[in-house]
Amino acid sequence: MKRRLLFLISLAIAIPFASKAQFEKLKDSVVQLYGVVMTADSLRAIPSVTVMIKGQNRGTITNEQGVFSIVVMKGDIVEFTSIGYKPKLATIPRNLEGNQFSLLQLMVTDTVYLPATIIKPRPTKEQFERDFVNVDIPDDDLETARKNTDESKRRVLARTLPRDGRESSNMFLRNNAQRYYYNGQTPPQNIFNPAAWAEFIQAWKRGDFKNQN
């Protein structure tokens, strides 16, 4: 019983020291890595370079000046990748003194050779003229805006698109005002309104009633 109690007391005393030692070891292994990524030939900063710790799903990217900062562990392998450049690897020294490390990483341009493309002319001048005239050119932003603001297109959209909250509330208030204005009497009929007949004739000429069918 005394041996067991002595063992438990010794274990309770040793655990805090062991945890503290482990924490100090882990703290000493953490390194704040600073660096700049530049081209090897002209020493020009490379923005948006991916800086990843190899074997881990953790990393960062360089800013417009090619500068980056990331927390790593001693012994980690840092991988630098960017489109148009060959990937580079950098190892954090295990015997590094302190918790900060700076790095100037140079990257070399990666030359990509594409397969050869052979451009052939049209067989005849007549075929080229026919294809050139019949080619389907997509609308640009100006042509799309012109079609969307066309009067006939706006009339179709006005009839088909649902009203928003503001338009619905305005229509409800106008109908109520019209009903209250003729409360207790017979409202006038548009069959005797020349303006209504003129609008009806214009709508008939435009083909509004035909489109509704």
N, C-alpha and C. Protein backbone atom coordinates (compact mmCIF):
# COMPACT_ATOMS: atom_id res chain seq x y z
N MET A 1 0.84 -1.22 0.00
CA MET A 1 0.00 0.00 0.00
C MET A 1 0.86 1.25 0.00
N LYS A 2 1.92 1.23 0.82
CA LYS A 2 2.81 2.38 0.89
C LYS A 2 3.55 2.57 -0.43
N ARG A 3 3.95 1.41 -1.05
CA ARG A 3 4.64 1.51 -2.32
C ARG A 3 3.75 2.12 -3.40
N ARG A 4 2.49 1.69 -3.41
CA ARG A 4 1.55 2.23 -4.40
C ARG A 4 1.32 3.72 -4.18
N LEU A 5 1.18 4.13 -2.94
CA LEU A 5 1.00 5.55 -2.65
C LEU A 5 2.23 6.35 -3.02
N LEU A 6 3.40 5.79 -2.77
CA LEU A 6 4.63 6.49 -3.13
C LEU A 6 4.76 6.61 -4.64
N PHE A 7 4.34 5.54 -5.35
CA PHE A 7 4.38 5.57 -6.81
C PHE A 7 3.44 6.64 -7.37
N LEU A 8 2.24 6.74 -6.80
CA LEU A 8 1.28 7.74 -7.28
C LEU A 8 1.78 9.15 -7.00
N ILE A 9 2.39 9.36 -5.85
CA ILE A 9 2.92 10.69 -5.53
C ILE A 9 4.06 11.06 -6.48
N SER A 10 4.92 10.09 -6.75
CA SER A 10 6.04 10.36 -7.68
C SER A 10 5.53 10.64 -9.08
N LEU A 11 4.49 9.89 -9.51
CA LEU A 11 3.90 10.10 -10.83
C LEU A 11 3.25 11.47 -10.93
N ALA A 12 2.55 11.90 -9.87
CA ALA A 12 1.90 13.22 -9.88
C ALA A 12 2.93 14.34 -9.93
N ILE A 13 4.08 14.12 -9.35
CA ILE A 13 5.13 15.14 -9.40
C ILE A 13 5.84 15.14 -10.75
N ALA A 14 6.00 13.97 -11.34
CA ALA A 14 6.75 13.87 -12.60
C ALA A 14 5.95 14.34 -13.80
N ILE A 15 4.61 14.16 -13.79
CA ILE A 15 3.78 14.52 -14.96
C ILE A 15 3.89 16.00 -15.31
N PRO A 16 3.77 16.95 -14.38
CA PRO A 16 3.91 18.36 -14.77
C PRO A 16 5.25 18.69 -15.37
N PHE A 17 6.33 18.12 -14.83
CA PHE A 17 7.65 18.38 -15.39
C PHE A 17 7.79 17.81 -16.80
N ALA A 18 7.22 16.61 -17.01
CA ALA A 18 7.29 16.00 -18.34
C ALA A 18 6.46 16.81 -19.35
N SER A 19 5.27 17.26 -18.93
CA SER A 19 4.44 18.06 -19.82
C SER A 19 5.11 19.38 -20.15
N LYS A 20 5.73 19.98 -19.14
CA LYS A 20 6.43 21.25 -19.38
C LYS A 20 7.60 21.06 -20.33
N ALA A 21 8.34 19.95 -20.15
CA ALA A 21 9.47 19.68 -21.04
C ALA A 21 8.99 19.44 -22.47
N GLN A 22 7.87 18.70 -22.60
CA GLN A 22 7.33 18.45 -23.94
C GLN A 22 6.85 19.74 -24.58
N PHE A 23 6.21 20.61 -23.80
CA PHE A 23 5.74 21.88 -24.33
C PHE A 23 6.91 22.76 -24.76
N GLU A 24 7.98 22.77 -23.95
CA GLU A 24 9.15 23.57 -24.31
C GLU A 24 9.80 23.05 -25.58
N LYS A 25 9.81 21.70 -25.74
CA LYS A 25 10.37 21.12 -26.96
C LYS A 25 9.54 21.47 -28.18
N LEU A 26 8.20 21.41 -28.03
CA LEU A 26 7.32 21.77 -29.13
C LEU A 26 7.43 23.26 -29.45
N LYS A 27 7.51 24.07 -28.43
CA LYS A 27 7.64 25.51 -28.63
C LYS A 27 8.94 25.84 -29.33
N ASP A 28 10.02 25.12 -28.99
CA ASP A 28 11.30 25.37 -29.63
C ASP A 28 11.31 24.91 -31.08
N SER A 29 10.40 23.99 -31.46
CA SER A 29 10.36 23.47 -32.84
C SER A 29 9.56 24.36 -33.78
N VAL A 30 8.74 25.26 -33.25
CA VAL A 30 7.92 26.12 -34.09
C VAL A 30 8.78 27.27 -34.62
N VAL A 31 8.68 27.52 -35.93
CA VAL A 31 9.49 28.54 -36.60
C VAL A 31 8.57 29.44 -37.41
N GLN A 32 8.78 30.75 -37.30
CA GLN A 32 8.09 31.72 -38.14
C GLN A 32 8.95 31.97 -39.37
N LEU A 33 8.45 31.51 -40.52
CA LEU A 33 9.21 31.60 -41.76
C LEU A 33 8.79 32.85 -42.53
N TYR A 34 9.77 33.69 -42.86
CA TYR A 34 9.56 34.87 -43.70
C TYR A 34 10.36 34.67 -44.97
N GLY A 35 9.89 35.22 -46.06
CA GLY A 35 10.65 35.07 -47.29
C GLY A 35 10.13 35.90 -48.44
N VAL A 36 10.95 35.92 -49.50
CA VAL A 36 10.61 36.62 -50.73
C VAL A 36 10.88 35.67 -51.88
N VAL A 37 9.96 35.57 -52.83
CA VAL A 37 10.11 34.73 -54.01
C VAL A 37 10.37 35.64 -55.21
N MET A 38 11.47 35.39 -55.93
CA MET A 38 11.88 36.23 -57.05
C MET A 38 12.32 35.36 -58.20
N THR A 39 12.39 35.97 -59.39
CA THR A 39 12.90 35.27 -60.57
C THR A 39 14.41 35.16 -60.49
N ALA A 40 14.94 34.04 -61.00
CA ALA A 40 16.37 33.81 -60.90
C ALA A 40 17.17 34.65 -61.89
N ASP A 41 16.55 35.03 -63.01
CA ASP A 41 17.32 35.75 -64.02
C ASP A 41 17.31 37.26 -63.82
N SER A 42 16.17 37.82 -63.37
CA SER A 42 16.06 39.28 -63.26
C SER A 42 15.76 39.77 -61.85
N LEU A 43 15.68 38.86 -60.88
CA LEU A 43 15.37 39.23 -59.49
C LEU A 43 14.11 40.08 -59.40
N ARG A 44 13.09 39.64 -60.12
CA ARG A 44 11.80 40.33 -60.10
C ARG A 44 10.84 39.54 -59.20
N ALA A 45 10.09 40.27 -58.36
CA ALA A 45 9.18 39.62 -57.44
C ALA A 45 8.09 38.86 -58.20
N ILE A 46 7.74 37.69 -57.69
CA ILE A 46 6.70 36.85 -58.32
C ILE A 46 5.50 36.83 -57.39
N PRO A 47 4.37 37.40 -57.78
CA PRO A 47 3.18 37.37 -56.92
C PRO A 47 2.41 36.07 -57.08
N SER A 48 1.54 35.79 -56.11
CA SER A 48 0.60 34.65 -56.15
C SER A 48 1.31 33.31 -56.29
N VAL A 49 2.47 33.18 -55.69
CA VAL A 49 3.15 31.88 -55.66
C VAL A 49 2.59 31.05 -54.50
N THR A 50 2.26 29.80 -54.75
CA THR A 50 1.73 28.93 -53.71
C THR A 50 2.87 28.39 -52.86
N VAL A 51 2.78 28.63 -51.56
CA VAL A 51 3.79 28.16 -50.61
C VAL A 51 3.10 27.13 -49.71
N MET A 52 3.44 25.85 -49.91
CA MET A 52 2.79 24.76 -49.18
C MET A 52 3.82 23.97 -48.39
N ILE A 53 3.40 23.52 -47.22
CA ILE A 53 4.22 22.60 -46.43
C ILE A 53 3.97 21.19 -46.97
N LYS A 54 5.00 20.56 -47.46
CA LYS A 54 4.86 19.27 -48.13
C LYS A 54 4.33 18.22 -47.15
N GLY A 55 3.31 17.49 -47.61
CA GLY A 55 2.71 16.47 -46.78
C GLY A 55 1.62 16.97 -45.86
N GLN A 56 1.32 18.27 -45.91
CA GLN A 56 0.28 18.86 -45.07
C GLN A 56 -0.63 19.72 -45.93
N ASN A 57 -1.86 19.81 -45.52
CA ASN A 57 -2.84 20.64 -46.24
C ASN A 57 -2.85 22.04 -45.64
N ARG A 58 -1.70 22.68 -45.71
CA ARG A 58 -1.55 24.00 -45.10
C ARG A 58 -0.53 24.80 -45.89
N GLY A 59 -0.84 26.07 -46.13
CA GLY A 59 0.07 26.90 -46.90
C GLY A 59 -0.42 28.32 -47.01
N THR A 60 0.21 29.08 -47.91
CA THR A 60 -0.14 30.48 -48.12
C THR A 60 0.30 30.86 -49.53
N ILE A 61 0.12 32.12 -49.91
CA ILE A 61 0.56 32.63 -51.21
C ILE A 61 1.31 33.93 -50.99
N THR A 62 2.15 34.27 -51.96
CA THR A 62 2.91 35.52 -51.88
C THR A 62 2.03 36.70 -52.30
N ASN A 63 2.36 37.88 -51.79
CA ASN A 63 1.61 39.08 -52.16
C ASN A 63 2.18 39.69 -53.44
N GLU A 64 1.79 40.91 -53.75
CA GLU A 64 2.22 41.55 -54.99
C GLU A 64 3.73 41.77 -55.03
N GLN A 65 4.37 41.88 -53.88
CA GLN A 65 5.82 42.07 -53.81
C GLN A 65 6.57 40.76 -53.66
N GLY A 66 5.87 39.62 -53.74
CA GLY A 66 6.51 38.33 -53.62
C GLY A 66 6.83 37.92 -52.20
N VAL A 67 6.31 38.64 -51.20
CA VAL A 67 6.61 38.38 -49.80
C VAL A 67 5.58 37.41 -49.24
N PHE A 68 6.03 36.52 -48.37
CA PHE A 68 5.15 35.57 -47.71
C PHE A 68 5.60 35.36 -46.27
N SER A 69 4.71 34.82 -45.46
CA SER A 69 5.00 34.50 -44.06
C SER A 69 4.11 33.33 -43.66
N ILE A 70 4.72 32.33 -42.99
CA ILE A 70 3.99 31.14 -42.60
C ILE A 70 4.68 30.50 -41.41
N VAL A 71 3.92 29.82 -40.57
CA VAL A 71 4.45 29.10 -39.42
C VAL A 71 4.76 27.67 -39.83
N VAL A 72 6.01 27.23 -39.57
CA VAL A 72 6.44 25.89 -39.93
C VAL A 72 7.10 25.25 -38.71
N MET A 73 7.48 24.00 -38.89
CA MET A 73 8.23 23.27 -37.87
C MET A 73 9.63 23.00 -38.39
N LYS A 74 10.57 22.87 -37.47
CA LYS A 74 11.94 22.55 -37.86
C LYS A 74 11.96 21.18 -38.53
N GLY A 75 12.60 21.14 -39.69
CA GLY A 75 12.64 19.90 -40.48
C GLY A 75 11.58 19.81 -41.54
N ASP A 76 10.61 20.75 -41.59
CA ASP A 76 9.57 20.73 -42.62
C ASP A 76 10.17 21.06 -43.99
N ILE A 77 9.52 20.54 -45.02
CA ILE A 77 9.90 20.83 -46.41
C ILE A 77 8.82 21.73 -47.00
N VAL A 78 9.24 22.90 -47.46
CA VAL A 78 8.32 23.89 -48.03
C VAL A 78 8.43 23.83 -49.55
N GLU A 79 7.28 23.74 -50.21
CA GLU A 79 7.24 23.64 -51.68
C GLU A 79 6.68 24.92 -52.27
N PHE A 80 7.38 25.45 -53.29
CA PHE A 80 6.98 26.68 -53.99
C PHE A 80 6.56 26.29 -55.40
N THR A 81 5.32 26.65 -55.77
CA THR A 81 4.80 26.35 -57.11
C THR A 81 4.09 27.58 -57.67
N SER A 82 4.25 27.75 -58.97
CA SER A 82 3.58 28.84 -59.68
C SER A 82 3.53 28.49 -61.15
N ILE A 83 2.48 28.92 -61.83
CA ILE A 83 2.32 28.63 -63.25
C ILE A 83 3.40 29.37 -64.03
N GLY A 84 4.10 28.64 -64.88
CA GLY A 84 5.16 29.23 -65.68
C GLY A 84 6.54 29.12 -65.06
N TYR A 85 6.62 28.53 -63.86
CA TYR A 85 7.92 28.39 -63.18
C TYR A 85 8.07 26.95 -62.70
N LYS A 86 9.32 26.49 -62.63
CA LYS A 86 9.60 25.17 -62.12
C LYS A 86 9.42 25.14 -60.60
N PRO A 87 8.80 24.09 -60.06
CA PRO A 87 8.61 24.03 -58.60
C PRO A 87 9.95 23.93 -57.86
N LYS A 88 9.96 24.48 -56.64
CA LYS A 88 11.16 24.48 -55.82
C LYS A 88 10.83 23.95 -54.43
N LEU A 89 11.82 23.33 -53.81
CA LEU A 89 11.69 22.81 -52.45
C LEU A 89 12.74 23.46 -51.56
N ALA A 90 12.32 23.77 -50.34
CA ALA A 90 13.24 24.34 -49.35
C ALA A 90 13.01 23.62 -48.02
N THR A 91 14.09 23.22 -47.36
CA THR A 91 14.03 22.49 -46.10
C THR A 91 14.41 23.40 -44.95
N ILE A 92 13.58 23.39 -43.90
CA ILE A 92 13.88 24.17 -42.70
C ILE A 92 14.90 23.39 -41.87
N PRO A 93 16.04 23.96 -41.53
CA PRO A 93 17.07 23.22 -40.78
C PRO A 93 16.55 22.75 -39.42
N ARG A 94 16.92 21.52 -39.07
CA ARG A 94 16.52 20.98 -37.77
C ARG A 94 17.33 21.58 -36.63
N ASN A 95 18.57 21.96 -36.92
CA ASN A 95 19.43 22.54 -35.89
C ASN A 95 19.37 24.05 -35.88
N LEU A 96 18.26 24.60 -36.33
CA LEU A 96 18.11 26.05 -36.36
C LEU A 96 18.03 26.61 -34.94
N GLU A 97 18.78 27.66 -34.69
CA GLU A 97 18.73 28.32 -33.40
C GLU A 97 17.72 29.47 -33.45
N GLY A 98 16.82 29.49 -32.51
CA GLY A 98 15.79 30.51 -32.50
C GLY A 98 14.52 30.02 -33.17
N ASN A 99 13.56 30.91 -33.28
CA ASN A 99 12.25 30.57 -33.83
C ASN A 99 11.87 31.42 -35.04
N GLN A 100 12.84 31.97 -35.72
CA GLN A 100 12.61 32.75 -36.92
C GLN A 100 13.61 32.36 -37.98
N PHE A 101 13.12 32.36 -39.23
CA PHE A 101 13.97 31.96 -40.35
C PHE A 101 13.53 32.73 -41.59
N SER A 102 14.47 33.36 -42.27
CA SER A 102 14.18 34.11 -43.49
C SER A 102 14.75 33.38 -44.69
N LEU A 103 14.08 33.54 -45.83
CA LEU A 103 14.45 32.77 -47.02
C LEU A 103 14.23 33.61 -48.26
N LEU A 104 15.20 33.61 -49.15
CA LEU A 104 15.08 34.22 -50.47
C LEU A 104 15.05 33.10 -51.49
N GLN A 105 13.87 32.85 -52.03
CA GLN A 105 13.68 31.73 -52.95
C GLN A 105 13.66 32.22 -54.39
N LEU A 106 14.54 31.69 -55.21
CA LEU A 106 14.61 32.03 -56.62
C LEU A 106 13.95 30.93 -57.43
N MET A 107 13.16 31.33 -58.43
CA MET A 107 12.46 30.37 -59.28
C MET A 107 12.84 30.59 -60.73
N VAL A 108 12.97 29.48 -61.46
CA VAL A 108 13.39 29.49 -62.85
C VAL A 108 12.17 29.32 -63.74
N THR A 109 12.15 30.05 -64.84
CA THR A 109 11.04 29.96 -65.79
C THR A 109 10.97 28.57 -66.40
N ASP A 110 9.78 28.03 -66.45
CA ASP A 110 9.56 26.70 -67.01
C ASP A 110 9.06 26.83 -68.44
N THR A 111 9.84 26.33 -69.39
CA THR A 111 9.48 26.41 -70.80
C THR A 111 8.62 25.22 -71.17
N VAL A 112 7.44 25.49 -71.71
CA VAL A 112 6.51 24.44 -72.12
C VAL A 112 6.44 24.43 -73.65
N TYR A 113 6.70 23.29 -74.23
CA TYR A 113 6.65 23.15 -75.67
C TYR A 113 5.30 22.54 -76.08
N LEU A 114 4.55 23.30 -76.87
CA LEU A 114 3.25 22.84 -77.35
C LEU A 114 3.41 22.10 -78.66
N PRO A 115 2.49 21.19 -78.95
CA PRO A 115 2.58 20.49 -80.23
C PRO A 115 2.38 21.44 -81.39
N ALA A 116 2.96 21.08 -82.53
CA ALA A 116 2.90 21.94 -83.71
C ALA A 116 1.47 22.04 -84.23
N THR A 117 1.11 23.22 -84.67
CA THR A 117 -0.21 23.48 -85.25
C THR A 117 -0.05 23.90 -86.70
N ILE A 118 -0.70 23.20 -87.59
CA ILE A 118 -0.61 23.47 -89.02
C ILE A 118 -1.85 24.25 -89.44
N ILE A 119 -1.64 25.44 -89.97
CA ILE A 119 -2.72 26.30 -90.44
C ILE A 119 -2.82 26.16 -91.96
N LYS A 120 -3.99 25.76 -92.41
CA LYS A 120 -4.20 25.57 -93.84
C LYS A 120 -5.20 26.59 -94.36
N PRO A 121 -5.01 27.10 -95.58
CA PRO A 121 -5.98 28.05 -96.15
C PRO A 121 -7.23 27.34 -96.63
N ARG A 122 -8.24 28.14 -96.96
CA ARG A 122 -9.45 27.58 -97.55
C ARG A 122 -9.13 27.03 -98.95
N PRO A 123 -9.87 26.00 -99.38
CA PRO A 123 -9.57 25.43 -100.70
C PRO A 123 -9.71 26.44 -101.83
N THR A 124 -10.78 27.26 -101.78
CA THR A 124 -10.99 28.21 -102.86
C THR A 124 -11.39 29.55 -102.29
N LYS A 125 -11.27 30.58 -103.09
CA LYS A 125 -11.67 31.92 -102.68
C LYS A 125 -13.17 32.00 -102.48
N GLU A 126 -13.93 31.32 -103.32
CA GLU A 126 -15.39 31.35 -103.20
C GLU A 126 -15.84 30.70 -101.88
N GLN A 127 -15.21 29.60 -101.49
CA GLN A 127 -15.59 28.96 -100.24
C GLN A 127 -15.25 29.83 -99.04
N PHE A 128 -14.10 30.53 -99.11
CA PHE A 128 -13.75 31.44 -98.02
C PHE A 128 -14.75 32.57 -97.90
N GLU A 129 -15.17 33.14 -99.02
CA GLU A 129 -16.16 34.23 -98.98
C GLU A 129 -17.49 33.72 -98.44
N ARG A 130 -17.89 32.50 -98.83
CA ARG A 130 -19.15 31.94 -98.34
C ARG A 130 -19.09 31.72 -96.83
N ASP A 131 -18.01 31.13 -96.34
CA ASP A 131 -17.90 30.87 -94.90
C ASP A 131 -17.76 32.17 -94.12
N PHE A 132 -17.08 33.16 -94.69
CA PHE A 132 -16.90 34.43 -93.98
C PHE A 132 -18.22 35.17 -93.83
N VAL A 133 -19.06 35.10 -94.85
CA VAL A 133 -20.35 35.79 -94.80
C VAL A 133 -21.30 35.06 -93.87
N ASN A 134 -21.27 33.75 -93.83
CA ASN A 134 -22.23 32.97 -93.06
C ASN A 134 -21.76 32.63 -91.65
N VAL A 135 -20.61 33.13 -91.25
CA VAL A 135 -20.13 32.81 -89.92
C VAL A 135 -21.03 33.48 -88.87
N ASP A 136 -21.29 32.76 -87.78
CA ASP A 136 -22.16 33.25 -86.71
C ASP A 136 -21.31 33.97 -85.67
N ILE A 137 -21.38 35.29 -85.64
CA ILE A 137 -20.59 36.10 -84.71
C ILE A 137 -21.43 36.35 -83.47
N PRO A 138 -20.97 35.99 -82.29
CA PRO A 138 -21.76 36.24 -81.07
C PRO A 138 -21.87 37.72 -80.78
N ASP A 139 -22.96 38.09 -80.11
CA ASP A 139 -23.21 39.49 -79.77
C ASP A 139 -22.22 39.96 -78.71
N ASP A 140 -21.74 41.19 -78.89
CA ASP A 140 -20.91 41.79 -77.86
C ASP A 140 -21.80 42.49 -76.84
N ASP A 141 -21.17 43.14 -75.87
CA ASP A 141 -21.95 43.79 -74.80
C ASP A 141 -22.83 44.92 -75.34
N LEU A 142 -22.32 45.66 -76.33
CA LEU A 142 -23.10 46.76 -76.89
C LEU A 142 -24.32 46.25 -77.64
N GLU A 143 -24.17 45.18 -78.40
CA GLU A 143 -25.30 44.62 -79.15
C GLU A 143 -26.32 44.00 -78.20
N THR A 144 -25.85 43.35 -77.14
CA THR A 144 -26.77 42.78 -76.15
C THR A 144 -27.56 43.86 -75.45
N ALA A 145 -26.90 44.97 -75.10
CA ALA A 145 -27.60 46.08 -74.46
C ALA A 145 -28.61 46.72 -75.41
N ARG A 146 -28.26 46.81 -76.70
CA ARG A 146 -29.19 47.40 -77.68
C ARG A 146 -30.44 46.54 -77.83
N LYS A 147 -30.26 45.20 -77.85
CA LYS A 147 -31.42 44.32 -77.98
C LYS A 147 -32.30 44.37 -76.73
N ASN A 148 -31.66 44.46 -75.57
CA ASN A 148 -32.44 44.48 -74.33
C ASN A 148 -33.21 45.78 -74.14
N THR A 149 -32.74 46.86 -74.74
CA THR A 149 -33.43 48.15 -74.62
C THR A 149 -34.32 48.45 -75.82
N ASP A 150 -34.50 47.50 -76.72
CA ASP A 150 -35.39 47.71 -77.85
C ASP A 150 -36.84 47.85 -77.36
N GLU A 151 -37.61 48.67 -78.07
CA GLU A 151 -38.98 48.97 -77.63
C GLU A 151 -39.84 47.73 -77.60
N SER A 152 -39.76 46.89 -78.62
CA SER A 152 -40.57 45.67 -78.64
C SER A 152 -40.13 44.70 -77.54
N LYS A 153 -38.83 44.62 -77.29
CA LYS A 153 -38.35 43.74 -76.22
C LYS A 153 -38.82 44.24 -74.86
N ARG A 154 -38.83 45.56 -74.66
CA ARG A 154 -39.30 46.11 -73.39
C ARG A 154 -40.79 45.87 -73.19
N ARG A 155 -41.58 45.92 -74.28
CA ARG A 155 -43.01 45.65 -74.16
C ARG A 155 -43.25 44.20 -73.77
N VAL A 156 -42.49 43.28 -74.38
CA VAL A 156 -42.63 41.86 -74.05
C VAL A 156 -42.24 41.61 -72.59
N LEU A 157 -41.14 42.22 -72.15
CA LEU A 157 -40.71 42.04 -70.77
C LEU A 157 -41.72 42.65 -69.79
N ALA A 158 -42.32 43.78 -70.16
CA ALA A 158 -43.29 44.41 -69.28
C ALA A 158 -44.55 43.55 -69.12
N ARG A 159 -44.89 42.78 -70.16
CA ARG A 159 -46.09 41.93 -70.07
C ARG A 159 -45.80 40.60 -69.37
N THR A 160 -44.58 40.10 -69.50
CA THR A 160 -44.28 38.76 -69.00
C THR A 160 -43.64 38.75 -67.61
N LEU A 161 -42.81 39.74 -67.32
CA LEU A 161 -42.12 39.73 -66.03
C LEU A 161 -43.08 40.08 -64.89
N PRO A 162 -42.98 39.42 -63.78
CA PRO A 162 -43.86 39.75 -62.64
C PRO A 162 -43.45 41.09 -62.01
N ARG A 163 -44.42 41.73 -61.35
CA ARG A 163 -44.14 43.00 -60.68
C ARG A 163 -43.38 42.75 -59.39
N ASP A 164 -42.52 43.71 -59.06
CA ASP A 164 -41.83 43.61 -57.77
C ASP A 164 -42.72 44.18 -56.67
N GLY A 165 -42.19 44.24 -55.45
CA GLY A 165 -42.99 44.71 -54.32
C GLY A 165 -43.43 46.15 -54.47
N ARG A 166 -42.55 46.99 -54.98
CA ARG A 166 -42.90 48.41 -55.13
C ARG A 166 -43.99 48.61 -56.16
N GLU A 167 -43.86 47.93 -57.32
CA GLU A 167 -44.88 48.07 -58.35
C GLU A 167 -46.22 47.50 -57.90
N SER A 168 -46.21 46.38 -57.20
CA SER A 168 -47.47 45.79 -56.74
C SER A 168 -48.17 46.70 -55.73
N SER A 169 -47.39 47.29 -54.81
CA SER A 169 -48.00 48.19 -53.83
C SER A 169 -48.55 49.45 -54.49
N ASN A 170 -47.83 49.98 -55.51
CA ASN A 170 -48.34 51.16 -56.22
C ASN A 170 -49.63 50.83 -56.98
N MET A 171 -49.67 49.66 -57.60
CA MET A 171 -50.88 49.27 -58.32
C MET A 171 -52.06 49.10 -57.34
N PHE A 172 -51.80 48.52 -56.18
CA PHE A 172 -52.85 48.34 -55.18
C PHE A 172 -53.36 49.68 -54.67
N LEU A 173 -52.47 50.63 -54.43
CA LEU A 173 -52.89 51.95 -53.96
C LEU A 173 -53.67 52.70 -55.03
N ARG A 174 -53.25 52.57 -56.31
CA ARG A 174 -53.98 53.25 -57.39
C ARG A 174 -55.37 52.67 -57.56
N ASN A 175 -55.51 51.37 -57.47
CA ASN A 175 -56.83 50.76 -57.58
C ASN A 175 -57.75 51.19 -56.43
N ASN A 176 -57.19 51.25 -55.23
CA ASN A 176 -57.98 51.70 -54.09
C ASN A 176 -58.40 53.16 -54.24
N ALA A 177 -57.47 53.99 -54.71
CA ALA A 177 -57.80 55.41 -54.91
C ALA A 177 -58.87 55.58 -55.97
N GLN A 178 -58.79 54.78 -57.04
CA GLN A 178 -59.80 54.85 -58.09
C GLN A 178 -61.17 54.41 -57.56
N ARG A 179 -61.19 53.36 -56.74
CA ARG A 179 -62.46 52.87 -56.20
C ARG A 179 -63.06 53.87 -55.20
N TYR A 180 -62.22 54.47 -54.36
CA TYR A 180 -62.72 55.44 -53.40
C TYR A 180 -63.19 56.73 -54.08
N TYR A 181 -62.55 57.08 -55.21
CA TYR A 181 -62.91 58.32 -55.90
C TYR A 181 -64.33 58.23 -56.46
N TYR A 182 -64.72 57.07 -56.95
CA TYR A 182 -66.06 56.90 -57.53
C TYR A 182 -66.97 56.14 -56.58
N ASN A 183 -66.70 56.21 -55.29
CA ASN A 183 -67.54 55.52 -54.32
C ASN A 183 -68.94 56.13 -54.29
N GLY A 184 -69.97 55.30 -54.44
CA GLY A 184 -71.35 55.77 -54.42
C GLY A 184 -71.87 56.21 -55.77
N GLN A 185 -71.07 56.09 -56.82
CA GLN A 185 -71.52 56.48 -58.15
C GLN A 185 -70.93 55.52 -59.18
N THR A 186 -71.48 55.59 -60.37
CA THR A 186 -71.03 54.70 -61.44
C THR A 186 -69.75 55.25 -62.06
N PRO A 187 -68.64 54.49 -62.08
CA PRO A 187 -67.41 54.99 -62.70
C PRO A 187 -67.59 55.14 -64.20
N PRO A 188 -66.86 56.05 -64.82
CA PRO A 188 -66.98 56.23 -66.28
C PRO A 188 -66.45 55.02 -67.03
N GLN A 189 -67.03 54.80 -68.22
CA GLN A 189 -66.62 53.69 -69.07
C GLN A 189 -65.62 54.19 -70.11
N ASN A 190 -64.53 53.40 -70.32
CA ASN A 190 -63.50 53.80 -71.28
C ASN A 190 -63.98 53.72 -72.73
N ILE A 191 -65.19 53.15 -72.94
CA ILE A 191 -65.70 53.08 -74.31
C ILE A 191 -66.00 54.47 -74.86
N PHE A 192 -66.22 55.44 -73.96
CA PHE A 192 -66.47 56.82 -74.39
C PHE A 192 -65.22 57.70 -74.21
N ASN A 193 -64.06 57.10 -73.95
CA ASN A 193 -62.82 57.86 -73.72
C ASN A 193 -61.98 57.84 -74.99
N PRO A 194 -61.79 59.00 -75.66
CA PRO A 194 -61.00 59.02 -76.90
C PRO A 194 -59.56 58.58 -76.66
N ALA A 195 -58.98 58.93 -75.51
CA ALA A 195 -57.59 58.54 -75.24
C ALA A 195 -57.46 57.02 -75.15
N ALA A 196 -58.49 56.38 -74.55
CA ALA A 196 -58.45 54.92 -74.45
C ALA A 196 -58.57 54.28 -75.83
N TRP A 197 -59.43 54.88 -76.71
CA TRP A 197 -59.53 54.35 -78.07
C TRP A 197 -58.23 54.52 -78.83
N ALA A 198 -57.56 55.63 -78.65
CA ALA A 198 -56.27 55.84 -79.33
C ALA A 198 -55.22 54.84 -78.87
N GLU A 199 -55.18 54.56 -77.58
CA GLU A 199 -54.24 53.57 -77.06
C GLU A 199 -54.58 52.18 -77.57
N PHE A 200 -55.92 51.87 -77.69
CA PHE A 200 -56.33 50.57 -78.19
C PHE A 200 -55.90 50.39 -79.64
N ILE A 201 -56.05 51.44 -80.45
CA ILE A 201 -55.67 51.34 -81.87
C ILE A 201 -54.16 51.17 -82.01
N GLN A 202 -53.37 51.90 -81.21
CA GLN A 202 -51.92 51.75 -81.26
C GLN A 202 -51.48 50.35 -80.84
N ALA A 203 -52.12 49.80 -79.81
CA ALA A 203 -51.79 48.45 -79.38
C ALA A 203 -52.17 47.42 -80.44
N TRP A 204 -53.28 47.65 -81.12
CA TRP A 204 -53.70 46.73 -82.18
C TRP A 204 -52.73 46.77 -83.36
N LYS A 205 -52.22 47.96 -83.71
CA LYS A 205 -51.24 48.09 -84.79
C LYS A 205 -49.92 47.43 -84.41
N ARG A 206 -49.53 47.52 -83.16
CA ARG A 206 -48.28 46.91 -82.72
C ARG A 206 -48.37 45.39 -82.67
N GLY A 207 -49.57 44.87 -82.63
CA GLY A 207 -49.74 43.43 -82.55
C GLY A 207 -49.70 42.89 -81.13
N ASP A 208 -50.03 43.75 -80.14
CA ASP A 208 -49.99 43.29 -78.76
C ASP A 208 -50.99 42.16 -78.51
N PHE A 209 -52.15 42.26 -79.06
CA PHE A 209 -53.17 41.24 -78.82
C PHE A 209 -52.84 39.92 -79.51
N LYS A 210 -52.14 40.04 -80.65
CA LYS A 210 -51.72 38.83 -81.34
C LYS A 210 -50.65 38.10 -80.56
N ASN A 211 -49.73 38.84 -79.96
CA ASN A 211 -48.67 38.22 -79.16
C ASN A 211 -49.22 37.55 -77.91
N GLN A 212 -50.28 38.12 -77.34
CA GLN A 212 -50.87 37.53 -76.17
C GLN A 212 -51.52 36.18 -76.47
N ASN A 213 -52.01 36.02 -77.68
CA ASN A 213 -52.59 34.74 -78.07
C ASN A 213 -51.49 33.75 -78.36
